[in-house]
PDB file of N, CA and C in Angstrom:
ATOM      1  N   PHE A   1      -8.099   4.570  15.969  1.00  0.00           N
ATOM      2  CA  PHE A   1      -7.995   3.791  17.156  1.00  0.00           C
ATOM      3  C   PHE A   1      -6.484   3.587  17.614  1.00  0.00           C
ATOM      4  N   ASP A   2      -6.304   3.136  18.783  1.00  0.00           N
ATOM      5  CA  ASP A   2      -4.987   2.908  19.306  1.00  0.00           C
ATOM      6  C   ASP A   2      -4.463   1.553  18.724  1.00  0.00           C
ATOM      7  N   THR A   3      -3.503   1.539  17.906  1.00  0.00           N
ATOM      8  CA  THR A   3      -3.070   0.305  17.296  1.00  0.00           C
ATOM      9  C   THR A   3      -2.221  -0.517  18.194  1.00  0.00           C
ATOM     10  N   THR A   4      -1.928  -0.037  19.392  1.00  0.00           N
ATOM     11  CA  THR A   4      -1.172  -0.891  20.377  1.00  0.00           C
ATOM     12  C   THR A   4      -2.078  -1.961  21.010  1.00  0.00           C
ATOM     13  N   VAL A   5      -3.385  -1.910  20.746  1.00  0.00           N
ATOM     14  CA  VAL A   5      -4.312  -2.879  21.335  1.00  0.00           C
ATOM     15  C   VAL A   5      -4.419  -4.178  20.471  1.00  0.00           C
ATOM     16  N   VAL A   6      -3.732  -4.176  19.336  1.00  0.00           N
ATOM     17  CA  VAL A   6      -3.795  -5.306  18.429  1.00  0.00           C
ATOM     18  C   VAL A   6      -2.362  -5.834  18.218  1.00  0.00           C
ATOM     19  N   PRO A   7      -2.240  -7.158  17.963  1.00  0.00           N
ATOM     20  CA  PRO A   7      -0.839  -7.616  17.638  1.00  0.00           C
ATOM     21  C   PRO A   7      -0.309  -7.155  16.293  1.00  0.00           C
ATOM     22  N   LEU A   8       1.012  -7.256  16.166  1.00  0.00           N
ATOM     23  CA  LEU A   8       1.657  -6.967  14.885  1.00  0.00           C
ATOM     24  C   LEU A   8       1.669  -8.215  14.038  1.00  0.00           C
ATOM     25  N   GLY A   9       1.396  -8.031  12.793  1.00  0.00           N
ATOM     26  CA  GLY A   9       1.659  -9.051  11.789  1.00  0.00           C
ATOM     27  C   GLY A   9       3.038  -8.874  11.113  1.00  0.00           C
ATOM     28  N   SER A  10       3.536  -9.880  10.524  1.00  0.00           N
ATOM     29  CA  SER A  10       4.889  -9.724   9.887  1.00  0.00           C
ATOM     30  C   SER A  10       4.857 -10.517   8.571  1.00  0.00           C
ATOM     31  N   GLY A  11       5.753 -10.179   7.752  1.00  0.00           N
ATOM     32  CA  GLY A  11       5.891 -10.846   6.409  1.00  0.00           C
ATOM     33  C   GLY A  11       7.037 -10.218   5.681  1.00  0.00           C
ATOM     34  N   ASP A  12       7.079 -10.537   4.390  1.00  0.00           N
ATOM     35  CA  ASP A  12       8.094  -9.938   3.512  1.00  0.00           C
ATOM     36  C   ASP A  12       7.365  -9.180   2.375  1.00  0.00           C
ATOM     37  N   TRP A  13       7.795  -7.973   2.190  1.00  0.00           N
ATOM     38  CA  TRP A  13       7.267  -7.095   1.156  1.00  0.00           C
ATOM     39  C   TRP A  13       8.143  -7.051   0.032  1.00  0.00           C
ATOM     40  N   ALA A  14       7.683  -7.392  -1.104  1.00  0.00           N
ATOM     41  CA  ALA A  14       8.502  -7.369  -2.366  1.00  0.00           C
ATOM     42  C   ALA A  14       8.565  -5.939  -2.797  1.00  0.00           C
ATOM     43  N   GLY A  15       9.816  -5.468  -3.019  1.00  0.00           N
ATOM     44  CA  GLY A  15      10.015  -4.020  -3.434  1.00  0.00           C
ATOM     45  C   GLY A  15      10.175  -3.909  -4.910  1.00  0.00           C
ATOM     46  N   ILE A  16       9.829  -2.743  -5.461  1.00  0.00           N
ATOM     47  CA  ILE A  16      10.091  -2.417  -6.798  1.00  0.00           C
ATOM     48  C   ILE A  16      10.895  -1.197  -6.808  1.00  0.00           C
ATOM     49  N   GLY A  17      12.124  -1.304  -7.461  1.00  0.00           N
ATOM     50  CA  GLY A  17      13.067  -0.137  -7.480  1.00  0.00           C
ATOM     51  C   GLY A  17      12.694   0.770  -8.665  1.00  0.00           C
ATOM     52  N   TRP A  18      13.601   1.732  -8.921  1.00  0.00           N
ATOM     53  CA  TRP A  18      13.422   2.692 -10.000  1.00  0.00           C
ATOM     54  C   TRP A  18      13.413   1.977 -11.342  1.00  0.00           C
ATOM     55  N   GLY A  19      12.642   2.396 -12.258  1.00  0.00           N
ATOM     56  CA  GLY A  19      12.596   1.838 -13.629  1.00  0.00           C
ATOM     57  C   GLY A  19      11.989   0.438 -13.637  1.00  0.00           C
ATOM     58  N   GLY A  20      11.306   0.001 -12.591  1.00  0.00           N
ATOM     59  CA  GLY A  20      10.669  -1.285 -12.560  1.00  0.00           C
ATOM     60  C   GLY A  20      11.578  -2.391 -12.132  1.00  0.00           C
ATOM     61  N   HIS A  21      12.823  -2.103 -11.804  1.00  0.00           N
ATOM     62  CA  HIS A  21      13.743  -3.154 -11.385  1.00  0.00           C
ATOM     63  C   HIS A  21      13.412  -3.621  -9.925  1.00  0.00           C
ATOM     64  N   THR A  22      13.456  -4.888  -9.725  1.00  0.00           N
ATOM     65  CA  THR A  22      13.123  -5.416  -8.424  1.00  0.00           C
ATOM     66  C   THR A  22      14.248  -5.066  -7.436  1.00  0.00           C
ATOM     67  N   ALA A  23      13.719  -4.468  -6.269  1.00  0.00           N
ATOM     68  CA  ALA A  23      14.690  -4.105  -5.192  1.00  0.00           C
ATOM     69  C   ALA A  23      14.847  -5.106  -4.188  1.00  0.00           C
ATOM     70  N   GLY A  24      14.249  -6.291  -4.305  1.00  0.00           N
ATOM     71  CA  GLY A  24      14.293  -7.350  -3.326  1.00  0.00           C
ATOM     72  C   GLY A  24      13.261  -7.174  -2.320  1.00  0.00           C
ATOM     73  N   SER A  25      13.007  -8.198  -1.552  1.00  0.00           N
ATOM     74  CA  SER A  25      11.962  -8.126  -0.503  1.00  0.00           C
ATOM     75  C   SER A  25      12.579  -7.643   0.780  1.00  0.00           C
ATOM     76  N   ARG A  26      11.677  -6.999   1.597  1.00  0.00           N
ATOM     77  CA  ARG A  26      12.080  -6.522   2.852  1.00  0.00           C
ATOM     78  C   ARG A  26      11.057  -6.917   3.977  1.00  0.00           C
ATOM     79  N   PRO A  27      11.506  -7.413   5.075  1.00  0.00           N
ATOM     80  CA  PRO A  27      10.549  -7.801   6.173  1.00  0.00           C
ATOM     81  C   PRO A  27       9.802  -6.555   6.653  1.00  0.00           C
ATOM     82  N   PHE A  28       8.605  -6.814   7.109  1.00  0.00           N
ATOM     83  CA  PHE A  28       7.803  -5.757   7.750  1.00  0.00           C
ATOM     84  C   PHE A  28       6.964  -6.243   8.953  1.00  0.00           C
ATOM     85  N   ARG A  29       6.525  -5.281   9.815  1.00  0.00           N
ATOM     86  CA  ARG A  29       5.691  -5.652  10.917  1.00  0.00           C
ATOM     87  C   ARG A  29       4.691  -4.469  10.913  1.00  0.00           C
ATOM     88  N   LEU A  30       3.413  -4.817  10.920  1.00  0.00           N
ATOM     89  CA  LEU A  30       2.400  -3.871  10.954  1.00  0.00           C
ATOM     90  C   LEU A  30       1.234  -4.367  11.872  1.00  0.00           C
ATOM     91  N   PRO A  31       0.482  -3.443  12.475  1.00  0.00           N
ATOM     92  CA  PRO A  31      -0.712  -3.873  13.237  1.00  0.00           C
ATOM     93  C   PRO A  31      -1.638  -4.604  12.272  1.00  0.00           C
ATOM     94  N   VAL A  32      -2.281  -5.766  12.817  1.00  0.00           N
ATOM     95  CA  VAL A  32      -3.117  -6.565  11.964  1.00  0.00           C
ATOM     96  C   VAL A  32      -4.497  -5.916  11.701  1.00  0.00           C
ATOM     97  N   VAL A  33      -4.789  -4.879  12.456  1.00  0.00           N
ATOM     98  CA  VAL A  33      -6.041  -4.114  12.171  1.00  0.00           C
ATOM     99  C   VAL A  33      -5.616  -2.699  11.859  1.00  0.00           C
ATOM    100  N   GLN A  34      -6.114  -2.287  10.693  1.00  0.00           N
ATOM    101  CA  GLN A  34      -5.820  -0.931  10.173  1.00  0.00           C
ATOM    102  C   GLN A  34      -7.035  -0.134  10.043  1.00  0.00           C
ATOM    103  N   SER A  35      -6.866   1.214   9.994  1.00  0.00           N
ATOM    104  CA  SER A  35      -8.063   2.120   9.880  1.00  0.00           C
ATOM    105  C   SER A  35      -7.662   3.309   9.053  1.00  0.00           C
ATOM    106  N   ALA A  36      -8.709   3.985   8.550  1.00  0.00           N
ATOM    107  CA  ALA A  36      -8.605   5.185   7.786  1.00  0.00           C
ATOM    108  C   ALA A  36      -9.812   6.043   7.988  1.00  0.00           C
ATOM    109  N   VAL A  37      -9.651   7.396   8.100  1.00  0.00           N
ATOM    110  CA  VAL A  37     -10.731   8.287   8.318  1.00  0.00           C
ATOM    111  C   VAL A  37     -10.769   9.295   7.203  1.00  0.00           C
ATOM    112  N   TRP A  38     -12.021   9.667   6.800  1.00  0.00           N
ATOM    113  CA  TRP A  38     -12.189  10.683   5.762  1.00  0.00           C
ATOM    114  C   TRP A  38     -13.383  11.552   6.080  1.00  0.00           C
ATOM    115  N   ARG A  39     -13.399  12.726   5.498  1.00  0.00           N
ATOM    116  CA  ARG A  39     -14.636  13.640   5.625  1.00  0.00           C
ATOM    117  C   ARG A  39     -15.159  13.877   4.251  1.00  0.00           C
ATOM    118  N   GLY A  40     -16.495  13.648   4.118  1.00  0.00           N
ATOM    119  CA  GLY A  40     -17.199  13.810   2.832  1.00  0.00           C
ATOM    120  C   GLY A  40     -17.562  15.249   2.565  1.00  0.00           C
ATOM    121  N   ALA A  41     -17.896  15.530   1.256  1.00  0.00           N
ATOM    122  CA  ALA A  41     -18.244  16.847   0.856  1.00  0.00           C
ATOM    123  C   ALA A  41     -19.499  17.302   1.603  1.00  0.00           C
ATOM    124  N   ASP A  42     -20.339  16.446   2.055  1.00  0.00           N
ATOM    125  CA  ASP A  42     -21.518  16.802   2.813  1.00  0.00           C
ATOM    126  C   ASP A  42     -21.324  16.987   4.270  1.00  0.00           C
ATOM    127  N   GLY A  43     -20.031  16.916   4.754  1.00  0.00           N
ATOM    128  CA  GLY A  43     -19.750  17.075   6.145  1.00  0.00           C
ATOM    129  C   GLY A  43     -19.710  15.764   6.967  1.00  0.00           C
ATOM    130  N   SER A  44     -20.179  14.693   6.349  1.00  0.00           N
ATOM    131  CA  SER A  44     -20.194  13.426   7.110  1.00  0.00           C
ATOM    132  C   SER A  44     -18.695  12.943   7.234  1.00  0.00           C
ATOM    133  N   VAL A  45     -18.528  12.097   8.229  1.00  0.00           N
ATOM    134  CA  VAL A  45     -17.142  11.544   8.537  1.00  0.00           C
ATOM    135  C   VAL A  45     -17.299  10.031   8.423  1.00  0.00           C
ATOM    136  N   GLY A  46     -16.339   9.421   7.827  1.00  0.00           N
ATOM    137  CA  GLY A  46     -16.316   7.925   7.670  1.00  0.00           C
ATOM    138  C   GLY A  46     -15.110   7.324   8.210  1.00  0.00           C
ATOM    139  N   VAL A  47     -15.192   6.203   8.833  1.00  0.00           N
ATOM    140  CA  VAL A  47     -14.000   5.443   9.262  1.00  0.00           C
ATOM    141  C   VAL A  47     -14.159   4.054   8.793  1.00  0.00           C
ATOM    142  N   VAL A  48     -13.089   3.507   8.155  1.00  0.00           N
ATOM    143  CA  VAL A  48     -13.099   2.128   7.750  1.00  0.00           C
ATOM    144  C   VAL A  48     -12.046   1.478   8.647  1.00  0.00           C
ATOM    145  N   ILE A  49     -12.406   0.275   9.131  1.00  0.00           N
ATOM    146  CA  ILE A  49     -11.521  -0.492  10.033  1.00  0.00           C
ATOM    147  C   ILE A  49     -11.506  -1.895   9.464  1.00  0.00           C
ATOM    148  N   ALA A  50     -10.331  -2.404   9.181  1.00  0.00           N
ATOM    149  CA  ALA A  50     -10.160  -3.741   8.498  1.00  0.00           C
ATOM    150  C   ALA A  50      -9.209  -4.638   9.390  1.00  0.00           C
ATOM    151  N   ASN A  51      -9.617  -5.885   9.555  1.00  0.00           N
ATOM    152  CA  ASN A  51      -8.867  -6.895  10.205  1.00  0.00           C
ATOM    153  C   ASN A  51      -8.175  -7.848   9.221  1.00  0.00           C
ATOM    154  N   ALA A  52      -6.901  -7.830   9.116  1.00  0.00           N
ATOM    155  CA  ALA A  52      -6.172  -8.752   8.204  1.00  0.00           C
ATOM    156  C   ALA A  52      -5.705  -9.983   8.920  1.00  0.00           C
ATOM    157  N   ASP A  53      -6.219 -10.254  10.047  1.00  0.00           N
ATOM    158  CA  ASP A  53      -5.776 -11.391  10.810  1.00  0.00           C
ATOM    159  C   ASP A  53      -6.704 -12.564  10.754  1.00  0.00           C
ATOM    160  N   SER A  54      -6.227 -13.719  11.042  1.00  0.00           N
ATOM    161  CA  SER A  54      -7.036 -14.922  10.970  1.00  0.00           C
ATOM    162  C   SER A  54      -7.798 -15.156  12.308  1.00  0.00           C
ATOM    163  N   VAL A  55      -7.704 -14.280  13.239  1.00  0.00           N
ATOM    164  CA  VAL A  55      -8.475 -14.338  14.501  1.00  0.00           C
ATOM    165  C   VAL A  55      -9.253 -13.015  14.682  1.00  0.00           C
ATOM    166  N   ALA A  56     -10.343 -13.111  15.388  1.00  0.00           N
ATOM    167  CA  ALA A  56     -11.164 -11.946  15.687  1.00  0.00           C
ATOM    168  C   ALA A  56     -10.471 -10.949  16.604  1.00  0.00           C
ATOM    169  N   HIS A  57     -10.802  -9.626  16.415  1.00  0.00           N
ATOM    170  CA  HIS A  57     -10.261  -8.606  17.337  1.00  0.00           C
ATOM    171  C   HIS A  57     -11.422  -7.620  17.583  1.00  0.00           C
ATOM    172  N   THR A  58     -11.443  -7.019  18.794  1.00  0.00           N
ATOM    173  CA  THR A  58     -12.369  -5.916  19.160  1.00  0.00           C
ATOM    174  C   THR A  58     -11.424  -4.685  19.326  1.00  0.00           C
ATOM    175  N   VAL A  59     -11.639  -3.639  18.699  1.00  0.00           N
ATOM    176  CA  VAL A  59     -10.873  -2.411  18.828  1.00  0.00           C
ATOM    177  C   VAL A  59     -11.755  -1.241  19.358  1.00  0.00           C
ATOM    178  N   PRO A  60     -11.200  -0.373  20.243  1.00  0.00           N
ATOM    179  CA  PRO A  60     -11.909   0.699  20.691  1.00  0.00           C
ATOM    180  C   PRO A  60     -11.801   1.947  19.774  1.00  0.00           C
ATOM    181  N   LEU A  61     -12.829   2.199  18.998  1.00  0.00           N
ATOM    182  CA  LEU A  61     -12.824   3.387  18.163  1.00  0.00           C
ATOM    183  C   LEU A  61     -13.209   4.638  18.972  1.00  0.00           C
ATOM    184  N   SER A  62     -12.461   5.626  18.946  1.00  0.00           N
ATOM    185  CA  SER A  62     -12.673   6.919  19.657  1.00  0.00           C
ATOM    186  C   SER A  62     -12.319   8.027  18.683  1.00  0.00           C
ATOM    187  N   LEU A  63     -13.330   8.812  18.314  1.00  0.00           N
ATOM    188  CA  LEU A  63     -13.142   9.833  17.375  1.00  0.00           C
ATOM    189  C   LEU A  63     -13.655  11.206  17.956  1.00  0.00           C
ATOM    190  N   ASP A  64     -12.792  12.170  17.930  1.00  0.00           N
ATOM    191  CA  ASP A  64     -13.019  13.520  18.480  1.00  0.00           C
ATOM    192  C   ASP A  64     -13.611  14.296  17.329  1.00  0.00           C
ATOM    193  N   CYS A  65     -14.920  14.582  17.448  1.00  0.00           N
ATOM    194  CA  CYS A  65     -15.588  15.316  16.351  1.00  0.00           C
ATOM    195  C   CYS A  65     -15.065  16.717  16.127  1.00  0.00           C
ATOM    196  N   ALA A  66     -14.572  17.364  17.104  1.00  0.00           N
ATOM    197  CA  ALA A  66     -13.908  18.738  16.941  1.00  0.00           C
ATOM    198  C   ALA A  66     -12.768  18.584  15.992  1.00  0.00           C
ATOM    199  N   ALA A  67     -11.958  17.540  16.065  1.00  0.00           N
ATOM    200  CA  ALA A  67     -10.781  17.458  15.220  1.00  0.00           C
ATOM    201  C   ALA A  67     -11.226  17.117  13.784  1.00  0.00           C
ATOM    202  N   TRP A  68     -12.294  16.435  13.576  1.00  0.00           N
ATOM    203  CA  TRP A  68     -12.716  16.037  12.204  1.00  0.00           C
ATOM    204  C   TRP A  68     -13.828  16.837  11.732  1.00  0.00           C
ATOM    205  N   THR A  69     -14.192  17.984  12.416  1.00  0.00           N
ATOM    206  CA  THR A  69     -15.246  18.906  12.002  1.00  0.00           C
ATOM    207  C   THR A  69     -16.537  18.171  11.664  1.00  0.00           C
ATOM    208  N   CYS A  70     -17.017  17.377  12.552  1.00  0.00           N
ATOM    209  CA  CYS A  70     -18.278  16.573  12.361  1.00  0.00           C
ATOM    210  C   CYS A  70     -19.416  17.627  12.233  1.00  0.00           C
ATOM    211  N   PRO A  71     -20.507  17.218  11.658  1.00  0.00           N
ATOM    212  CA  PRO A  71     -21.688  18.120  11.602  1.00  0.00           C
ATOM    213  C   PRO A  71     -22.066  18.557  12.975  1.00  0.00           C
ATOM    214  N   ALA A  72     -22.655  19.829  13.100  1.00  0.00           N
ATOM    215  CA  ALA A  72     -23.111  20.360  14.337  1.00  0.00           C
ATOM    216  C   ALA A  72     -24.373  19.599  14.849  1.00  0.00           C
ATOM    217  N   GLY A  73     -24.675  19.682  16.088  1.00  0.00           N
ATOM    218  CA  GLY A  73     -25.856  19.108  16.651  1.00  0.00           C
ATOM    219  C   GLY A  73     -25.752  17.578  16.830  1.00  0.00           C
ATOM    220  N   PRO A  74     -26.862  16.948  17.069  1.00  0.00           N
ATOM    221  CA  PRO A  74     -26.882  15.441  17.344  1.00  0.00           C
ATOM    222  C   PRO A  74     -26.355  14.771  16.112  1.00  0.00           C
ATOM    223  N   LEU A  75     -25.694  13.651  16.360  1.00  0.00           N
ATOM    224  CA  LEU A  75     -25.051  12.832  15.290  1.00  0.00           C
ATOM    225  C   LEU A  75     -25.828  11.505  15.091  1.00  0.00           C
ATOM    226  N   ARG A  76     -25.770  11.123  13.824  1.00  0.00           N
ATOM    227  CA  ARG A  76     -26.322   9.778  13.505  1.00  0.00           C
ATOM    228  C   ARG A  76     -25.202   8.920  13.235  1.00  0.00           C
ATOM    229  N   ILE A  77     -24.973   7.793  13.922  1.00  0.00           N
ATOM    230  CA  ILE A  77     -23.845   6.922  13.757  1.00  0.00           C
ATOM    231  C   ILE A  77     -24.347   5.582  13.282  1.00  0.00           C
ATOM    232  N   ALA A  78     -23.825   5.165  12.165  1.00  0.00           N
ATOM    233  CA  ALA A  78     -24.161   3.880  11.558  1.00  0.00           C
ATOM    234  C   ALA A  78     -22.901   2.999  11.419  1.00  0.00           C
ATOM    235  N   VAL A  79     -23.025   1.815  11.964  1.00  0.00           N
ATOM    236  CA  VAL A  79     -21.850   0.848  11.864  1.00  0.00           C
ATOM    237  C   VAL A  79     -22.305  -0.217  10.830  1.00  0.00           C
ATOM    238  N   ARG A  80     -21.592  -0.281   9.753  1.00  0.00           N
ATOM    239  CA  ARG A  80     -21.996  -1.184   8.616  1.00  0.00           C
ATOM    240  C   ARG A  80     -20.951  -2.283   8.371  1.00  0.00           C
ATOM    241  N   ARG A  81     -21.455  -3.461   8.136  1.00  0.00           N
ATOM    242  CA  ARG A  81     -20.659  -4.584   7.733  1.00  0.00           C
ATOM    243  C   ARG A  81     -21.109  -5.011   6.316  1.00  0.00           C
ATOM    244  N   VAL A  82     -20.185  -5.580   5.588  1.00  0.00           N
ATOM    245  CA  VAL A  82     -20.559  -6.130   4.248  1.00  0.00           C
ATOM    246  C   VAL A  82     -21.635  -7.117   4.430  1.00  0.00           C
ATOM    247  N   GLY A  83     -22.720  -7.056   3.715  1.00  0.00           N
ATOM    248  CA  GLY A  83     -23.800  -7.986   3.761  1.00  0.00           C
ATOM    249  C   GLY A  83     -24.630  -8.058   4.936  1.00  0.00           C
ATOM    250  N   ALA A  84     -24.605  -7.008   5.744  1.00  0.00           N
ATOM    251  CA  ALA A  84     -25.420  -6.906   6.971  1.00  0.00           C
ATOM    252  C   ALA A  84     -26.130  -5.592   7.087  1.00  0.00           C
ATOM    253  N   GLU A  85     -27.218  -5.535   7.896  1.00  0.00           N
ATOM    254  CA  GLU A  85     -27.857  -4.345   8.170  1.00  0.00           C
ATOM    255  C   GLU A  85     -27.001  -3.426   9.036  1.00  0.00           C
ATOM    256  N   ALA A  86     -27.099  -2.150   8.835  1.00  0.00           N
ATOM    257  CA  ALA A  86     -26.362  -1.255   9.718  1.00  0.00           C
ATOM    258  C   ALA A  86     -26.925  -1.151  11.080  1.00  0.00           C
ATOM    259  N   ARG A  87     -26.066  -1.014  12.070  1.00  0.00           N
ATOM    260  CA  ARG A  87     -26.545  -0.797  13.424  1.00  0.00           C
ATOM    261  C   ARG A  87     -26.442   0.745  13.602  1.00  0.00           C
ATOM    262  N   VAL A  88     -27.581   1.392  13.841  1.00  0.00           N
ATOM    263  CA  VAL A  88     -27.656   2.868  13.802  1.00  0.00           C
ATOM    264  C   VAL A  88     -28.086   3.414  15.210  1.00  0.00           C
ATOM    265  N   ARG A  89     -27.436   4.465  15.640  1.00  0.00           N
ATOM    266  CA  ARG A  89     -27.854   5.114  16.906  1.00  0.00           C
ATOM    267  C   ARG A  89     -27.580   6.633  16.741  1.00  0.00           C
ATOM    268  N   GLU A  90     -28.274   7.371  17.622  1.00  0.00           N
ATOM    269  CA  GLU A  90     -27.985   8.835  17.658  1.00  0.00           C
ATOM    270  C   GLU A  90     -27.213   9.101  18.915  1.00  0.00           C
ATOM    271  N   GLU A  91     -26.378  10.190  18.807  1.00  0.00           N
ATOM    272  CA  GLU A  91     -25.431  10.530  19.804  1.00  0.00           C
ATOM    273  C   GLU A  91     -25.403  11.998  19.898  1.00  0.00           C
ATOM    274  N   SER A  92     -25.461  12.549  21.109  1.00  0.00           N
ATOM    275  CA  SER A  92     -25.365  14.076  21.250  1.00  0.00           C
ATOM    276  C   SER A  92     -23.946  14.440  21.775  1.00  0.00           C
ATOM    277  N   ARG A  93     -23.185  13.549  22.238  1.00  0.00           N
ATOM    278  CA  ARG A  93     -21.778  13.812  22.712  1.00  0.00           C
ATOM    279  C   ARG A  93     -20.919  14.169  21.413  1.00  0.00           C
ATOM    280  N   ARG A  94     -19.903  14.869  21.610  1.00  0.00           N
ATOM    281  CA  ARG A  94     -19.049  15.284  20.468  1.00  0.00           C
ATOM    282  C   ARG A  94     -17.828  14.386  20.340  1.00  0.00           C
ATOM    283  N   THR A  95     -17.725  13.357  21.128  1.00  0.00           N
ATOM    284  CA  THR A  95     -16.742  12.334  20.948  1.00  0.00           C
ATOM    285  C   THR A  95     -17.499  11.032  20.688  1.00  0.00           C
ATOM    286  N   VAL A  96     -17.150  10.388  19.626  1.00  0.00           N
ATOM    287  CA  VAL A  96     -17.790   9.116  19.221  1.00  0.00           C
ATOM    288  C   VAL A  96     -16.915   7.961  19.826  1.00  0.00           C
ATOM    289  N   THR A  97     -17.542   7.115  20.651  1.00  0.00           N
ATOM    290  CA  THR A  97     -16.818   6.071  21.253  1.00  0.00           C
ATOM    291  C   THR A  97     -17.583   4.800  20.862  1.00  0.00           C
ATOM    292  N   GLU A  98     -16.946   3.860  20.251  1.00  0.00           N
ATOM    293  CA  GLU A  98     -17.609   2.672  19.675  1.00  0.00           C
ATOM    294  C   GLU A  98     -16.700   1.484  19.798  1.00  0.00           C
ATOM    295  N   PRO A  99     -16.986   0.429  20.554  1.00  0.00           N
ATOM    296  CA  PRO A  99     -16.123  -0.772  20.451  1.00  0.00           C
ATOM    297  C   PRO A  99     -16.534  -1.484  19.151  1.00  0.00           C
ATOM    298  N   VAL A 100     -15.617  -1.787  18.351  1.00  0.00           N
ATOM    299  CA  VAL A 100     -15.800  -2.446  17.010  1.00  0.00           C
ATOM    300  C   VAL A 100     -15.246  -3.861  16.999  1.00  0.00           C
ATOM    301  N   ALA A 101     -16.188  -4.831  16.923  1.00  0.00           N
ATOM    302  CA  ALA A 101     -15.798  -6.222  16.859  1.00  0.00           C
ATOM    303  C   ALA A 101     -15.619  -6.632  15.472  1.00  0.00           C
ATOM    304  N   LEU A 102     -14.469  -7.204  15.176  1.00  0.00           N
ATOM    305  CA  LEU A 102     -14.075  -7.636  13.763  1.00  0.00           C
ATOM    306  C   LEU A 102     -13.862  -9.102  13.721  1.00  0.00           C
ATOM    307  N   ALA A 103     -14.562  -9.805  12.864  1.00  0.00           N
ATOM    308  CA  ALA A 103     -14.297 -11.263  12.600  1.00  0.00           C
ATOM    309  C   ALA A 103     -12.921 -11.352  11.838  1.00  0.00           C
ATOM    310  N   PRO A 104     -12.449 -12.519  11.740  1.00  0.00           N
ATOM    311  CA  PRO A 104     -11.206 -12.743  10.885  1.00  0.00           C
ATOM    312  C   PRO A 104     -11.440 -12.185   9.555  1.00  0.00           C
ATOM    313  N   PHE A 105     -10.524 -11.464   8.947  1.00  0.00           N
ATOM    314  CA  PHE A 105     -10.625 -10.922   7.597  1.00  0.00           C
ATOM    315  C   PHE A 105     -11.843 -10.073   7.337  1.00  0.00           C
ATOM    316  N   ASP A 106     -12.260  -9.344   8.332  1.00  0.00           N
ATOM    317  CA  ASP A 106     -13.541  -8.530   8.288  1.00  0.00           C
ATOM    318  C   ASP A 106     -13.229  -7.087   8.188  1.00  0.00           C
ATOM    319  N   ALA A 107     -14.145  -6.322   7.775  1.00  0.00           N
ATOM    320  CA  ALA A 107     -14.023  -4.873   7.779  1.00  0.00           C
ATOM    321  C   ALA A 107     -15.384  -4.244   8.040  1.00  0.00           C
ATOM    322  N   VAL A 108     -15.389  -3.061   8.686  1.00  0.00           N
ATOM    323  CA  VAL A 108     -16.617  -2.319   8.952  1.00  0.00           C
ATOM    324  C   VAL A 108     -16.354  -0.856   8.510  1.00  0.00           C
ATOM    325  N   VAL A 109     -17.468  -0.196   8.226  1.00  0.00           N
ATOM    326  CA  VAL A 109     -17.409   1.245   8.020  1.00  0.00           C
ATOM    327  C   VAL A 109     -18.371   1.892   9.059  1.00  0.00           C
ATOM    328  N   VAL A 110     -17.800   2.925   9.656  1.00  0.00           N
ATOM    329  CA  VAL A 110     -18.617   3.675  10.633  1.00  0.00           C
ATOM    330  C   VAL A 110     -18.908   5.056   9.946  1.00  0.00           C
ATOM    331  N   GLU A 111     -20.148   5.333   9.749  1.00  0.00           N
ATOM    332  CA  GLU A 111     -20.525   6.638   9.128  1.00  0.00           C
ATOM    333  C   GLU A 111     -21.074   7.588  10.262  1.00  0.00           C
ATOM    334  N   ILE A 112     -20.633   8.818  10.234  1.00  0.00           N
ATOM    335  CA  ILE A 112     -21.069   9.777  11.247  1.00  0.00           C
ATOM    336  C   ILE A 112     -21.582  10.951  10.478  1.00  0.00           C
ATOM    337  N   ARG A 113     -22.890  11.280  10.600  1.00  0.00           N
ATOM    338  CA  ARG A 113     -23.438  12.392   9.918  1.00  0.00           C
ATOM    339  C   ARG A 113     -24.442  13.061  10.806  1.00  0.00           C
ATOM    340  N   SER A 114     -24.948  14.202  10.385  1.00  0.00           N
ATOM    341  CA  SER A 114     -25.971  14.964  11.181  1.00  0.00           C
ATOM    342  C   SER A 114     -27.177  14.144  11.330  1.00  0.00           C
ATOM    343  N   ALA A 115     -27.724  14.062  12.631  1.00  0.00           N
ATOM    344  CA  ALA A 115     -29.082  13.401  12.846  1.00  0.00           C
ATOM    345  C   ALA A 115     -30.163  14.167  12.113  1.00  0.00           C
ATOM    346  N   ARG A 116     -29.985  15.451  11.913  1.00  0.00           N
ATOM    347  CA  ARG A 116     -31.003  16.288  11.274  1.00  0.00           C
ATOM    348  C   ARG A 116     -31.071  16.127   9.728  1.00  0.00           C
ATOM    349  N   ALA A 117     -30.052  15.476   9.103  1.00  0.00           N
ATOM    350  CA  ALA A 117     -30.096  15.382   7.696  1.00  0.00           C
ATOM    351  C   ALA A 117     -31.194  14.456   7.268  1.00  0.00           C
ATOM    352  N   THR A 118     -31.645  14.744   6.025  1.00  0.00           N
ATOM    353  CA  THR A 118     -32.637  13.891   5.479  1.00  0.00           C
ATOM    354  C   THR A 118     -32.173  13.454   4.093  1.00  0.00           C
ATOM    355  N   GLY A 119     -32.851  12.459   3.568  1.00  0.00           N
ATOM    356  CA  GLY A 119     -32.490  11.985   2.229  1.00  0.00           C
ATOM    357  C   GLY A 119     -32.134  10.569   2.164  1.00  0.00           C
ATOM    358  N   ALA A 120     -31.889  10.023   1.007  1.00  0.00           N
ATOM    359  CA  ALA A 120     -31.680   8.590   0.818  1.00  0.00           C
ATOM    360  C   ALA A 120     -30.518   8.064   1.583  1.00  0.00           C
ATOM    361  N   ALA A 121     -29.520   8.794   1.634  1.00  0.00           N
ATOM    362  CA  ALA A 121     -28.279   8.338   2.420  1.00  0.00           C
ATOM    363  C   ALA A 121     -28.599   8.054   3.827  1.00  0.00           C
ATOM    364  N   ASP A 122     -29.518   8.819   4.489  1.00  0.00           N
ATOM    365  CA  ASP A 122     -29.856   8.636   5.853  1.00  0.00           C
ATOM    366  C   ASP A 122     -30.878   7.590   6.106  1.00  0.00           C
ATOM    367  N   ARG A 123     -31.488   7.042   5.031  1.00  0.00           N
ATOM    368  CA  ARG A 123     -32.487   5.945   5.228  1.00  0.00           C
ATOM    369  C   ARG A 123     -31.804   4.616   5.101  1.00  0.00           C
ATOM    370  N   ARG A 124     -30.523   4.602   4.752  1.00  0.00           N
ATOM    371  CA  ARG A 124     -29.917   3.224   4.557  1.00  0.00           C
ATOM    372  C   ARG A 124     -29.791   2.534   5.835  1.00  0.00           C
TER     373      ARG A 124
END
């Protein structure tokens, strides 16, 4: 997602130098919402989005399936939160667009897999 839609957080990062010697702390500024994308061995694509802020944020997830080699055909998209049921939908477009609402200190996982797939992972 576009990290310019969320504020920057700041703090001091304690550094470790060579041989375990402390290199002192350095100030940093990072977006308060971070994400990572990966592709599974089964062809599925996962996106984790985490909010490290004390206020809620909604971020626009947009994933180009051609760039991530998503499975061919219709897609099954599941948005999962810790301790909650997944919100699941099927999508035939090759770009996944999903507004993701994050509570303070919250994280979600978006799973993208073939809608044709069967098995335990698809019944979750």
